[in-house]
Amino acid sequence: MKRRPSIAVIALCALLAAAALHPGIASAATAKEIDVSVDVALERFHSEIKGGKEFLKSARGVLIFPKVYKAGFVAGAEYGEGSLRIGGKTVDYYSTVAVSFGLQIGAQAKTIIIVFMQQQALDNFRASSGWEAGVDGSIALITVGAGGSIDTTNIKDPIVAFAFGQKGLMVNITLEGSKFSKIEK
């Protein structure tokens, strides 16, 4: 007997896909809530990643997503909100959205910090109306666990991303196909 997905599972997938395709549906955090969450994420990054604080000092800009949620059952969706900081101050707010299809099941939350090492990369990102990883530019993704360290001598990419604090059942981490869009807060 062939087992079919339940109505609840199908509804959940549809809701996730709708939220991913229309970020305004899921947008609920205020600017203050995002900034507080970003501060906490940066503190965790500085304390958990050896060399993280020093590395960020050389950045032209830092885009921080304190919580990016991903869930999927055949179709998956990912969403998070964060802020772009230049010189330690928030200059804009952004959302990240990704939709994926294929063999997947589960849910996870992670923190993503995207570091713009070159001014041109930051300028191109800020000038776009919707910047997509892998299309509008490539991002070198570095996954680090608690107590990990950064070898800054080997990082030469114009845009570097760190993913940490993964919690949940999904284990694949990628930014390819993620779209970053400015949001009003």
N, C-alpha and C. Protein backbone atom coordinates (compact mmCIF):
# COMPACT_ATOMS: atom_id res chain seq x y z
N MET A 1 0.84 -1.18 0.00
CA MET A 1 0.00 0.00 0.00
C MET A 1 0.89 1.25 0.00
N LYS A 2 0.63 2.11 -0.94
CA LYS A 2 1.42 3.34 -1.07
C LYS A 2 0.90 4.38 -0.09
N ARG A 3 1.82 4.96 0.69
CA ARG A 3 1.43 5.95 1.69
C ARG A 3 1.50 7.35 1.09
N ARG A 4 0.50 8.16 1.31
CA ARG A 4 0.44 9.53 0.80
C ARG A 4 0.75 10.51 1.92
N PRO A 5 1.33 11.65 1.55
CA PRO A 5 1.57 12.68 2.57
C PRO A 5 0.24 13.17 3.14
N SER A 6 0.22 13.48 4.42
CA SER A 6 -1.00 13.95 5.06
C SER A 6 -1.34 15.37 4.59
N ILE A 7 -2.57 15.76 4.77
CA ILE A 7 -3.02 17.10 4.42
C ILE A 7 -2.22 18.14 5.21
N ALA A 8 -1.91 17.86 6.48
CA ALA A 8 -1.16 18.81 7.30
C ALA A 8 0.24 19.04 6.72
N VAL A 9 0.89 17.99 6.25
CA VAL A 9 2.23 18.13 5.67
C VAL A 9 2.16 18.94 4.38
N ILE A 10 1.19 18.66 3.55
CA ILE A 10 1.03 19.40 2.30
C ILE A 10 0.73 20.88 2.60
N ALA A 11 -0.11 21.13 3.58
CA ALA A 11 -0.43 22.51 3.95
C ALA A 11 0.80 23.24 4.48
N LEU A 12 1.61 22.54 5.28
CA LEU A 12 2.83 23.15 5.79
C LEU A 12 3.77 23.52 4.66
N CYS A 13 3.95 22.62 3.70
CA CYS A 13 4.82 22.91 2.55
C CYS A 13 4.28 24.10 1.75
N ALA A 14 2.99 24.16 1.56
CA ALA A 14 2.39 25.27 0.82
C ALA A 14 2.60 26.59 1.56
N LEU A 15 2.45 26.56 2.89
CA LEU A 15 2.66 27.76 3.69
C LEU A 15 4.11 28.22 3.60
N LEU A 16 5.05 27.28 3.70
CA LEU A 16 6.46 27.64 3.61
C LEU A 16 6.79 28.21 2.24
N ALA A 17 6.26 27.61 1.20
CA ALA A 17 6.51 28.11 -0.16
C ALA A 17 5.92 29.50 -0.33
N ALA A 18 4.72 29.73 0.20
CA ALA A 18 4.08 31.05 0.10
C ALA A 18 4.89 32.09 0.85
N ALA A 19 5.39 31.75 2.04
CA ALA A 19 6.20 32.70 2.81
C ALA A 19 7.51 33.01 2.09
N ALA A 20 8.07 32.00 1.43
CA ALA A 20 9.32 32.21 0.71
C ALA A 20 9.12 33.07 -0.52
N LEU A 21 8.02 32.87 -1.20
CA LEU A 21 7.75 33.63 -2.42
C LEU A 21 7.24 35.04 -2.14
N HIS A 22 6.64 35.23 -0.97
CA HIS A 22 6.10 36.53 -0.59
C HIS A 22 6.59 36.87 0.81
N PRO A 23 7.82 37.38 0.95
CA PRO A 23 8.42 37.62 2.25
C PRO A 23 7.59 38.50 3.18
N GLY A 24 6.77 39.38 2.67
CA GLY A 24 5.95 40.23 3.52
C GLY A 24 5.01 39.44 4.40
N ILE A 25 4.64 38.24 3.99
CA ILE A 25 3.75 37.40 4.78
C ILE A 25 4.41 37.04 6.10
N ALA A 26 5.69 36.70 6.06
CA ALA A 26 6.38 36.22 7.25
C ALA A 26 7.07 37.35 8.01
N SER A 27 7.10 38.54 7.47
CA SER A 27 7.81 39.65 8.07
C SER A 27 7.06 40.17 9.29
N ALA A 28 7.63 39.95 10.47
CA ALA A 28 6.95 40.39 11.67
C ALA A 28 7.85 41.15 12.62
N ALA A 29 9.15 41.00 12.51
CA ALA A 29 10.07 41.64 13.45
C ALA A 29 10.18 43.13 13.18
N THR A 30 10.28 43.88 14.25
CA THR A 30 10.50 45.32 14.13
C THR A 30 11.99 45.58 13.96
N ALA A 31 12.33 46.81 13.60
CA ALA A 31 13.74 47.19 13.45
C ALA A 31 14.48 46.98 14.77
N LYS A 32 13.87 47.36 15.87
CA LYS A 32 14.51 47.21 17.18
C LYS A 32 14.74 45.73 17.50
N GLU A 33 13.75 44.89 17.22
CA GLU A 33 13.89 43.45 17.47
C GLU A 33 15.02 42.85 16.64
N ILE A 34 15.10 43.27 15.39
CA ILE A 34 16.19 42.78 14.53
C ILE A 34 17.53 43.23 15.07
N ASP A 35 17.64 44.51 15.43
CA ASP A 35 18.92 45.04 15.93
C ASP A 35 19.37 44.33 17.21
N VAL A 36 18.44 44.06 18.11
CA VAL A 36 18.78 43.34 19.35
C VAL A 36 19.26 41.93 19.02
N SER A 37 18.56 41.26 18.12
CA SER A 37 18.96 39.90 17.72
C SER A 37 20.31 39.90 17.02
N VAL A 38 20.57 40.92 16.21
CA VAL A 38 21.85 41.04 15.52
C VAL A 38 22.98 41.25 16.55
N ASP A 39 22.74 42.08 17.55
CA ASP A 39 23.75 42.29 18.60
C ASP A 39 24.09 40.98 19.30
N VAL A 40 23.07 40.20 19.62
CA VAL A 40 23.28 38.90 20.28
C VAL A 40 24.05 37.95 19.37
N ALA A 41 23.69 37.92 18.08
CA ALA A 41 24.38 37.04 17.13
C ALA A 41 25.85 37.42 17.00
N LEU A 42 26.14 38.72 16.95
CA LEU A 42 27.53 39.17 16.86
C LEU A 42 28.32 38.83 18.13
N GLU A 43 27.69 38.97 19.28
CA GLU A 43 28.35 38.59 20.54
C GLU A 43 28.67 37.11 20.54
N ARG A 44 27.73 36.28 20.09
CA ARG A 44 27.97 34.83 20.01
C ARG A 44 29.10 34.53 19.04
N PHE A 45 29.11 35.20 17.89
CA PHE A 45 30.15 35.00 16.90
C PHE A 45 31.52 35.35 17.50
N HIS A 46 31.61 36.49 18.17
CA HIS A 46 32.87 36.92 18.77
C HIS A 46 33.35 35.95 19.85
N SER A 47 32.41 35.43 20.64
CA SER A 47 32.80 34.55 21.75
C SER A 47 33.04 33.11 21.29
N GLU A 48 32.31 32.64 20.28
CA GLU A 48 32.43 31.24 19.86
C GLU A 48 33.48 31.01 18.79
N ILE A 49 33.78 32.02 18.00
CA ILE A 49 34.69 31.85 16.87
C ILE A 49 35.99 32.61 17.14
N LYS A 50 37.05 31.88 17.40
CA LYS A 50 38.35 32.50 17.68
C LYS A 50 38.81 33.29 16.45
N GLY A 51 39.11 34.55 16.65
CA GLY A 51 39.56 35.42 15.56
C GLY A 51 38.41 36.11 14.84
N GLY A 52 37.18 35.83 15.23
CA GLY A 52 36.02 36.42 14.56
C GLY A 52 35.93 37.93 14.69
N LYS A 53 36.17 38.43 15.89
CA LYS A 53 36.08 39.87 16.11
C LYS A 53 37.12 40.62 15.29
N GLU A 54 38.35 40.11 15.26
CA GLU A 54 39.41 40.74 14.49
C GLU A 54 39.12 40.69 12.99
N PHE A 55 38.56 39.57 12.55
CA PHE A 55 38.24 39.42 11.13
C PHE A 55 37.20 40.46 10.71
N LEU A 56 36.18 40.67 11.52
CA LEU A 56 35.12 41.62 11.17
C LEU A 56 35.61 43.06 11.14
N LYS A 57 36.69 43.36 11.84
CA LYS A 57 37.23 44.72 11.83
C LYS A 57 37.71 45.15 10.45
N SER A 58 38.12 44.18 9.61
CA SER A 58 38.63 44.51 8.28
C SER A 58 37.52 44.52 7.22
N ALA A 59 36.28 44.28 7.63
CA ALA A 59 35.16 44.22 6.69
C ALA A 59 34.70 45.60 6.28
N ARG A 60 34.24 45.71 5.03
CA ARG A 60 33.62 46.95 4.53
C ARG A 60 32.16 47.03 4.98
N GLY A 61 31.53 45.87 5.17
CA GLY A 61 30.15 45.78 5.63
C GLY A 61 29.88 44.37 6.09
N VAL A 62 28.91 44.23 7.00
CA VAL A 62 28.57 42.92 7.54
C VAL A 62 27.04 42.80 7.54
N LEU A 63 26.54 41.74 6.89
CA LEU A 63 25.11 41.45 6.84
C LEU A 63 24.85 40.29 7.79
N ILE A 64 24.04 40.52 8.81
CA ILE A 64 23.83 39.53 9.85
C ILE A 64 22.37 39.09 9.87
N PHE A 65 22.17 37.77 9.77
CA PHE A 65 20.85 37.16 9.92
C PHE A 65 20.90 36.30 11.17
N PRO A 66 20.35 36.79 12.29
CA PRO A 66 20.44 36.05 13.55
C PRO A 66 19.77 34.67 13.50
N LYS A 67 18.66 34.57 12.82
CA LYS A 67 17.95 33.29 12.69
C LYS A 67 17.42 33.15 11.27
N VAL A 68 17.89 32.12 10.59
CA VAL A 68 17.36 31.76 9.28
C VAL A 68 16.74 30.39 9.46
N TYR A 69 15.44 30.32 9.22
CA TYR A 69 14.69 29.08 9.43
C TYR A 69 14.50 28.37 8.10
N LYS A 70 14.71 27.06 8.12
CA LYS A 70 14.49 26.24 6.93
C LYS A 70 13.66 25.04 7.33
N ALA A 71 12.66 24.74 6.50
CA ALA A 71 11.85 23.55 6.72
C ALA A 71 11.51 22.96 5.35
N GLY A 72 11.35 21.66 5.32
CA GLY A 72 11.03 21.06 4.04
C GLY A 72 10.55 19.64 4.13
N PHE A 73 9.76 19.32 3.17
CA PHE A 73 9.31 17.95 2.92
C PHE A 73 9.12 17.89 1.41
N VAL A 74 10.09 17.41 0.69
CA VAL A 74 10.20 17.42 -0.76
C VAL A 74 10.46 18.86 -1.23
N ALA A 75 9.52 19.79 -0.97
CA ALA A 75 9.76 21.21 -1.24
C ALA A 75 10.20 21.85 0.06
N GLY A 76 11.19 22.71 -0.03
CA GLY A 76 11.68 23.37 1.18
C GLY A 76 11.68 24.87 1.01
N ALA A 77 11.62 25.55 2.12
CA ALA A 77 11.67 27.01 2.11
C ALA A 77 12.54 27.49 3.26
N GLU A 78 13.17 28.64 3.04
CA GLU A 78 14.07 29.20 4.03
C GLU A 78 13.79 30.70 4.11
N TYR A 79 13.78 31.26 5.34
CA TYR A 79 13.51 32.67 5.48
C TYR A 79 14.19 33.21 6.74
N GLY A 80 14.68 34.44 6.64
CA GLY A 80 15.24 35.12 7.80
C GLY A 80 15.31 36.61 7.53
N GLU A 81 15.41 37.38 8.61
CA GLU A 81 15.56 38.83 8.52
C GLU A 81 16.79 39.26 9.29
N GLY A 82 17.45 40.30 8.79
CA GLY A 82 18.66 40.77 9.44
C GLY A 82 18.98 42.19 9.04
N SER A 83 20.18 42.62 9.41
CA SER A 83 20.57 43.99 9.09
C SER A 83 21.97 44.04 8.52
N LEU A 84 22.19 45.07 7.70
CA LEU A 84 23.49 45.35 7.14
C LEU A 84 24.12 46.45 7.99
N ARG A 85 25.31 46.16 8.48
CA ARG A 85 26.03 47.13 9.30
C ARG A 85 27.31 47.56 8.60
N ILE A 86 27.52 48.86 8.62
CA ILE A 86 28.74 49.45 8.09
C ILE A 86 29.30 50.33 9.20
N GLY A 87 30.55 50.08 9.54
CA GLY A 87 31.16 50.84 10.63
C GLY A 87 30.46 50.60 11.96
N GLY A 88 29.88 49.41 12.14
CA GLY A 88 29.20 49.07 13.38
C GLY A 88 27.79 49.59 13.53
N LYS A 89 27.29 50.31 12.52
CA LYS A 89 25.94 50.89 12.58
C LYS A 89 25.04 50.28 11.51
N THR A 90 23.79 50.03 11.88
CA THR A 90 22.82 49.50 10.93
C THR A 90 22.49 50.55 9.89
N VAL A 91 22.61 50.16 8.60
CA VAL A 91 22.29 51.09 7.51
C VAL A 91 21.06 50.63 6.73
N ASP A 92 20.76 49.33 6.73
CA ASP A 92 19.59 48.80 6.02
C ASP A 92 19.19 47.47 6.64
N TYR A 93 17.94 47.08 6.35
CA TYR A 93 17.43 45.77 6.79
C TYR A 93 17.17 44.92 5.55
N TYR A 94 17.41 43.62 5.69
CA TYR A 94 17.28 42.68 4.58
C TYR A 94 16.56 41.42 5.01
N SER A 95 15.96 40.78 4.01
CA SER A 95 15.44 39.42 4.20
C SER A 95 16.23 38.49 3.30
N THR A 96 16.27 37.23 3.69
CA THR A 96 16.84 36.20 2.84
C THR A 96 15.78 35.14 2.63
N VAL A 97 15.65 34.71 1.37
CA VAL A 97 14.63 33.73 0.99
C VAL A 97 15.28 32.71 0.06
N ALA A 98 14.94 31.47 0.25
CA ALA A 98 15.37 30.42 -0.67
C ALA A 98 14.29 29.36 -0.73
N VAL A 99 14.12 28.81 -1.90
CA VAL A 99 13.18 27.70 -2.11
C VAL A 99 13.98 26.57 -2.75
N SER A 100 13.73 25.35 -2.31
CA SER A 100 14.45 24.21 -2.88
C SER A 100 13.48 23.05 -3.07
N PHE A 101 13.85 22.20 -4.01
CA PHE A 101 13.05 21.02 -4.30
C PHE A 101 13.98 19.81 -4.35
N GLY A 102 13.48 18.67 -3.94
CA GLY A 102 14.29 17.46 -3.96
C GLY A 102 14.13 16.69 -2.67
N LEU A 103 14.97 15.70 -2.49
CA LEU A 103 14.90 14.84 -1.32
C LEU A 103 15.33 15.60 -0.08
N GLN A 104 14.37 15.98 0.74
CA GLN A 104 14.65 16.70 1.98
C GLN A 104 13.49 16.54 2.93
N ILE A 105 13.79 16.52 4.18
CA ILE A 105 12.77 16.48 5.21
C ILE A 105 13.38 17.01 6.49
N GLY A 106 12.64 17.81 7.22
CA GLY A 106 13.12 18.31 8.49
C GLY A 106 13.03 19.82 8.60
N ALA A 107 13.67 20.33 9.64
CA ALA A 107 13.67 21.76 9.89
C ALA A 107 14.96 22.12 10.62
N GLN A 108 15.39 23.35 10.46
CA GLN A 108 16.58 23.83 11.15
C GLN A 108 16.56 25.34 11.25
N ALA A 109 17.35 25.84 12.17
CA ALA A 109 17.59 27.27 12.31
C ALA A 109 19.09 27.47 12.38
N LYS A 110 19.57 28.55 11.79
CA LYS A 110 21.01 28.84 11.80
C LYS A 110 21.21 30.34 11.79
N THR A 111 22.40 30.75 12.17
CA THR A 111 22.81 32.15 12.11
C THR A 111 23.75 32.29 10.92
N ILE A 112 23.53 33.32 10.12
CA ILE A 112 24.39 33.56 8.96
C ILE A 112 24.95 34.98 9.06
N ILE A 113 26.26 35.08 8.90
CA ILE A 113 26.94 36.37 8.86
C ILE A 113 27.67 36.45 7.54
N ILE A 114 27.32 37.44 6.73
CA ILE A 114 27.95 37.64 5.42
C ILE A 114 28.84 38.87 5.51
N VAL A 115 30.12 38.68 5.18
CA VAL A 115 31.12 39.72 5.35
C VAL A 115 31.59 40.19 3.97
N PHE A 116 31.43 41.47 3.71
CA PHE A 116 31.89 42.07 2.46
C PHE A 116 33.29 42.61 2.70
N MET A 117 34.27 41.96 2.09
CA MET A 117 35.67 42.31 2.30
C MET A 117 36.15 43.40 1.34
N GLN A 118 35.47 43.56 0.21
CA GLN A 118 35.86 44.55 -0.78
C GLN A 118 34.73 45.56 -0.98
N GLN A 119 35.09 46.82 -1.12
CA GLN A 119 34.10 47.88 -1.29
C GLN A 119 33.23 47.66 -2.52
N GLN A 120 33.83 47.21 -3.63
CA GLN A 120 33.07 46.99 -4.86
C GLN A 120 31.99 45.93 -4.65
N ALA A 121 32.29 44.87 -3.93
CA ALA A 121 31.31 43.82 -3.65
C ALA A 121 30.16 44.38 -2.82
N LEU A 122 30.48 45.19 -1.84
CA LEU A 122 29.44 45.81 -1.01
C LEU A 122 28.59 46.77 -1.83
N ASP A 123 29.23 47.59 -2.66
CA ASP A 123 28.50 48.55 -3.50
C ASP A 123 27.55 47.83 -4.46
N ASN A 124 28.02 46.75 -5.08
CA ASN A 124 27.17 45.97 -6.00
C ASN A 124 25.97 45.38 -5.27
N PHE A 125 26.21 44.88 -4.08
CA PHE A 125 25.12 44.30 -3.28
C PHE A 125 24.09 45.37 -2.94
N ARG A 126 24.53 46.50 -2.46
CA ARG A 126 23.61 47.56 -2.04
C ARG A 126 22.85 48.17 -3.21
N ALA A 127 23.44 48.18 -4.40
CA ALA A 127 22.81 48.77 -5.58
C ALA A 127 21.75 47.85 -6.19
N SER A 128 21.75 46.58 -5.82
CA SER A 128 20.81 45.63 -6.44
C SER A 128 19.43 45.74 -5.81
N SER A 129 18.43 45.39 -6.59
CA SER A 129 17.06 45.38 -6.06
C SER A 129 16.70 44.03 -5.47
N GLY A 130 17.54 43.06 -5.65
CA GLY A 130 17.37 41.71 -5.13
C GLY A 130 18.59 40.90 -5.55
N TRP A 131 19.48 40.67 -4.63
CA TRP A 131 20.78 40.06 -4.93
C TRP A 131 20.68 38.56 -4.67
N GLU A 132 21.08 37.75 -5.66
CA GLU A 132 20.98 36.29 -5.51
C GLU A 132 22.36 35.66 -5.49
N ALA A 133 22.62 34.89 -4.45
CA ALA A 133 23.91 34.20 -4.31
C ALA A 133 24.08 33.20 -5.43
N GLY A 134 25.25 33.22 -6.05
CA GLY A 134 25.54 32.31 -7.15
C GLY A 134 25.18 32.88 -8.50
N VAL A 135 24.36 33.93 -8.54
CA VAL A 135 23.96 34.58 -9.79
C VAL A 135 24.59 35.97 -9.86
N ASP A 136 24.31 36.78 -8.85
CA ASP A 136 24.83 38.15 -8.82
C ASP A 136 26.23 38.22 -8.20
N GLY A 137 26.65 37.19 -7.57
CA GLY A 137 27.97 37.13 -6.97
C GLY A 137 28.12 35.84 -6.20
N SER A 138 29.35 35.44 -5.99
CA SER A 138 29.57 34.20 -5.24
C SER A 138 29.97 34.53 -3.82
N ILE A 139 29.62 33.62 -2.94
CA ILE A 139 29.93 33.77 -1.53
C ILE A 139 30.71 32.54 -1.09
N ALA A 140 31.85 32.75 -0.47
CA ALA A 140 32.62 31.65 0.11
C ALA A 140 32.00 31.33 1.46
N LEU A 141 31.40 30.15 1.62
CA LEU A 141 30.72 29.76 2.85
C LEU A 141 31.67 28.98 3.74
N ILE A 142 31.80 29.45 4.97
CA ILE A 142 32.64 28.79 5.95
C ILE A 142 31.75 28.36 7.10
N THR A 143 31.68 27.07 7.36
CA THR A 143 30.88 26.59 8.49
C THR A 143 31.82 26.37 9.67
N VAL A 144 31.43 26.88 10.80
CA VAL A 144 32.24 26.75 11.99
C VAL A 144 31.37 26.36 13.16
N GLY A 145 31.91 25.55 14.01
CA GLY A 145 31.20 25.14 15.22
C GLY A 145 31.71 25.93 16.41
N ALA A 146 31.11 25.68 17.55
CA ALA A 146 31.54 26.35 18.77
C ALA A 146 33.01 26.05 19.02
N GLY A 147 33.76 27.07 19.37
CA GLY A 147 35.18 26.89 19.63
C GLY A 147 36.02 26.85 18.37
N GLY A 148 35.40 27.01 17.19
CA GLY A 148 36.15 27.01 15.94
C GLY A 148 36.97 28.27 15.81
N SER A 149 37.87 28.28 14.85
CA SER A 149 38.68 29.48 14.66
C SER A 149 38.74 29.82 13.18
N ILE A 150 39.11 31.05 12.89
CA ILE A 150 39.19 31.55 11.53
C ILE A 150 40.66 31.75 11.18
N ASP A 151 41.05 31.19 10.05
CA ASP A 151 42.41 31.40 9.55
C ASP A 151 42.32 32.51 8.51
N THR A 152 42.54 33.74 8.93
CA THR A 152 42.35 34.90 8.05
C THR A 152 43.37 34.96 6.92
N THR A 153 44.48 34.25 7.05
CA THR A 153 45.48 34.29 5.99
C THR A 153 45.02 33.55 4.74
N ASN A 154 44.07 32.63 4.88
CA ASN A 154 43.58 31.87 3.73
C ASN A 154 42.29 32.41 3.14
N ILE A 155 41.71 33.43 3.73
CA ILE A 155 40.44 33.98 3.25
C ILE A 155 40.74 35.19 2.37
N LYS A 156 40.54 35.03 1.07
CA LYS A 156 40.85 36.11 0.12
C LYS A 156 39.64 36.50 -0.72
N ASP A 157 38.49 35.88 -0.48
CA ASP A 157 37.30 36.12 -1.28
C ASP A 157 36.69 37.50 -0.97
N PRO A 158 36.04 38.13 -1.96
CA PRO A 158 35.42 39.44 -1.73
C PRO A 158 34.22 39.37 -0.80
N ILE A 159 33.53 38.22 -0.78
CA ILE A 159 32.37 38.03 0.10
C ILE A 159 32.53 36.68 0.79
N VAL A 160 32.47 36.70 2.11
CA VAL A 160 32.64 35.49 2.90
C VAL A 160 31.45 35.37 3.84
N ALA A 161 30.90 34.17 3.96
CA ALA A 161 29.77 33.94 4.85
C ALA A 161 30.12 32.89 5.88
N PHE A 162 29.61 33.08 7.07
CA PHE A 162 29.78 32.13 8.16
C PHE A 162 28.41 31.64 8.58
N ALA A 163 28.27 30.35 8.72
CA ALA A 163 27.03 29.75 9.23
C ALA A 163 27.39 29.02 10.51
N PHE A 164 26.67 29.33 11.56
CA PHE A 164 26.94 28.66 12.83
C PHE A 164 25.66 28.57 13.64
N GLY A 165 25.74 27.80 14.72
CA GLY A 165 24.59 27.64 15.60
C GLY A 165 23.47 26.83 14.99
N GLN A 166 23.80 25.91 14.06
CA GLN A 166 22.76 25.10 13.42
C GLN A 166 22.05 24.26 14.46
N LYS A 167 20.73 24.35 14.46
CA LYS A 167 19.90 23.55 15.34
C LYS A 167 18.79 22.96 14.50
N GLY A 168 18.62 21.67 14.59
CA GLY A 168 17.54 21.04 13.86
C GLY A 168 17.98 19.78 13.17
N LEU A 169 17.12 19.28 12.29
CA LEU A 169 17.31 17.99 11.69
C LEU A 169 17.94 18.01 10.31
N MET A 170 17.99 19.15 9.64
CA MET A 170 18.61 19.22 8.31
C MET A 170 20.09 19.51 8.49
N VAL A 171 20.92 18.91 7.64
CA VAL A 171 22.35 19.11 7.80
C VAL A 171 23.00 19.83 6.63
N ASN A 172 22.33 19.95 5.51
CA ASN A 172 22.97 20.62 4.37
C ASN A 172 22.89 22.13 4.56
N ILE A 173 24.01 22.79 4.29
CA ILE A 173 24.06 24.24 4.39
C ILE A 173 24.60 24.78 3.09
N THR A 174 23.82 25.65 2.48
CA THR A 174 24.25 26.30 1.24
C THR A 174 23.59 27.66 1.17
N LEU A 175 24.22 28.56 0.47
CA LEU A 175 23.62 29.87 0.22
C LEU A 175 23.28 30.04 -1.25
N GLU A 176 23.69 29.08 -2.08
CA GLU A 176 23.39 29.15 -3.52
C GLU A 176 21.88 29.25 -3.72
N GLY A 177 21.48 30.22 -4.51
CA GLY A 177 20.06 30.41 -4.78
C GLY A 177 19.34 31.25 -3.75
N SER A 178 20.01 31.61 -2.66
CA SER A 178 19.39 32.48 -1.66
C SER A 178 19.29 33.89 -2.24
N LYS A 179 18.14 34.50 -2.04
CA LYS A 179 17.93 35.86 -2.52
C LYS A 179 17.86 36.80 -1.33
N PHE A 180 18.59 37.91 -1.45
CA PHE A 180 18.65 38.90 -0.39
C PHE A 180 18.00 40.18 -0.90
N SER A 181 16.99 40.66 -0.17
CA SER A 181 16.25 41.84 -0.60
C SER A 181 16.13 42.83 0.56
N LYS A 182 16.25 44.11 0.22
CA LYS A 182 16.08 45.15 1.23
C LYS A 182 14.62 45.19 1.65
N ILE A 183 14.40 45.36 2.96
CA ILE A 183 13.04 45.47 3.48
C ILE A 183 12.94 46.77 4.29
N GLU A 184 11.75 47.30 4.34
CA GLU A 184 11.51 48.52 5.12
C GLU A 184 11.13 48.16 6.53
N LYS A 185 11.77 48.82 7.46
CA LYS A 185 11.46 48.61 8.89
C LYS A 185 11.29 49.93 9.57
